[in-house]
Amino acid sequence: MSAKAGDQVSLLEELLVGLLPEGPQLYPEGDLTDAPEGSWSRS
């Protein structure tokens, strides 16, 4: 596995996500953050 090369990163993600408990919904449907759009970093 290598994060730098991207080898098997998606497999690790699938395994870890499968182990996480489902928590409460923190934001309304469709919202990704509570930060105002003007504060987003532009890269």
C-alpha atoms as a PDB file:
ATOM      1  CA  MET A   1       0.000   0.000   0.000  1.00  0.00           C
ATOM      2  CA  SER A   2       1.290   3.440  -0.873  1.00  0.00           C
ATOM      3  CA  ALA A   3      -0.505   6.744  -0.410  1.00  0.00           C
ATOM      4  CA  LYS A   4       2.191   8.489  -2.438  1.00  0.00           C
ATOM      5  CA  ALA A   5       1.747   6.192  -5.451  1.00  0.00           C
ATOM      6  CA  GLY A   6      -1.951   5.612  -4.792  1.00  0.00           C
ATOM      7  CA  ASP A   7      -1.531   1.836  -4.606  1.00  0.00           C
ATOM      8  CA  GLN A   8      -4.491   0.165  -2.874  1.00  0.00           C
ATOM      9  CA  VAL A   9      -5.664   3.410  -1.269  1.00  0.00           C
ATOM     10  CA  SER A  10      -9.242   2.819  -2.455  1.00  0.00           C
ATOM     11  CA  LEU A  11      -9.168  -0.664  -0.911  1.00  0.00           C
ATOM     12  CA  LEU A  12      -8.043   0.778   2.419  1.00  0.00           C
ATOM     13  CA  GLU A  13     -10.771   3.424   2.200  1.00  0.00           C
ATOM     14  CA  GLU A  14     -13.447   0.772   1.599  1.00  0.00           C
ATOM     15  CA  LEU A  15     -12.220  -1.295   4.548  1.00  0.00           C
ATOM     16  CA  LEU A  16     -12.071   1.667   6.945  1.00  0.00           C
ATOM     17  CA  VAL A  17     -15.430   3.132   5.911  1.00  0.00           C
ATOM     18  CA  GLY A  18     -16.999  -0.279   6.453  1.00  0.00           C
ATOM     19  CA  LEU A  19     -15.806  -0.208  10.071  1.00  0.00           C
ATOM     20  CA  LEU A  20     -17.137   3.261  10.900  1.00  0.00           C
ATOM     21  CA  PRO A  21     -20.452   3.540  12.730  1.00  0.00           C
ATOM     22  CA  GLU A  22     -23.130   5.678  11.114  1.00  0.00           C
ATOM     23  CA  GLY A  23     -23.560   8.895  13.066  1.00  0.00           C
ATOM     24  CA  PRO A  24     -26.191  11.602  13.134  1.00  0.00           C
ATOM     25  CA  GLN A  25     -26.595  13.899  10.139  1.00  0.00           C
ATOM     26  CA  LEU A  26     -24.794  17.115  11.093  1.00  0.00           C
ATOM     27  CA  TYR A  27     -25.885  19.333   8.180  1.00  0.00           C
ATOM     28  CA  PRO A  28     -29.070  19.639   6.115  1.00  0.00           C
ATOM     29  CA  GLU A  29     -29.247  17.423   3.023  1.00  0.00           C
ATOM     30  CA  GLY A  30     -27.012  18.847   0.292  1.00  0.00           C
ATOM     31  CA  ASP A  31     -24.910  21.065   2.594  1.00  0.00           C
ATOM     32  CA  LEU A  32     -21.260  20.044   2.900  1.00  0.00           C
ATOM     33  CA  THR A  33     -20.154  22.621   5.478  1.00  0.00           C
ATOM     34  CA  ASP A  34     -21.399  25.436   7.670  1.00  0.00           C
ATOM     35  CA  ALA A  35     -18.590  27.767   6.501  1.00  0.00           C
ATOM     36  CA  PRO A  36     -19.620  30.652   4.248  1.00  0.00           C
ATOM     37  CA  GLU A  37     -18.589  30.152   0.619  1.00  0.00           C
ATOM     38  CA  GLY A  38     -16.340  33.237   0.721  1.00  0.00           C
ATOM     39  CA  SER A  39     -14.095  31.559   3.296  1.00  0.00           C
ATOM     40  CA  TRP A  40     -13.273  28.596   1.038  1.00  0.00           C
ATOM     41  CA  SER A  41      -9.676  28.318  -0.074  1.00  0.00           C
ATOM     42  CA  ARG A  42      -9.057  28.634  -3.789  1.00  0.00           C
ATOM     43  CA  SER A  43      -6.255  26.406  -5.011  1.00  0.00           C
END
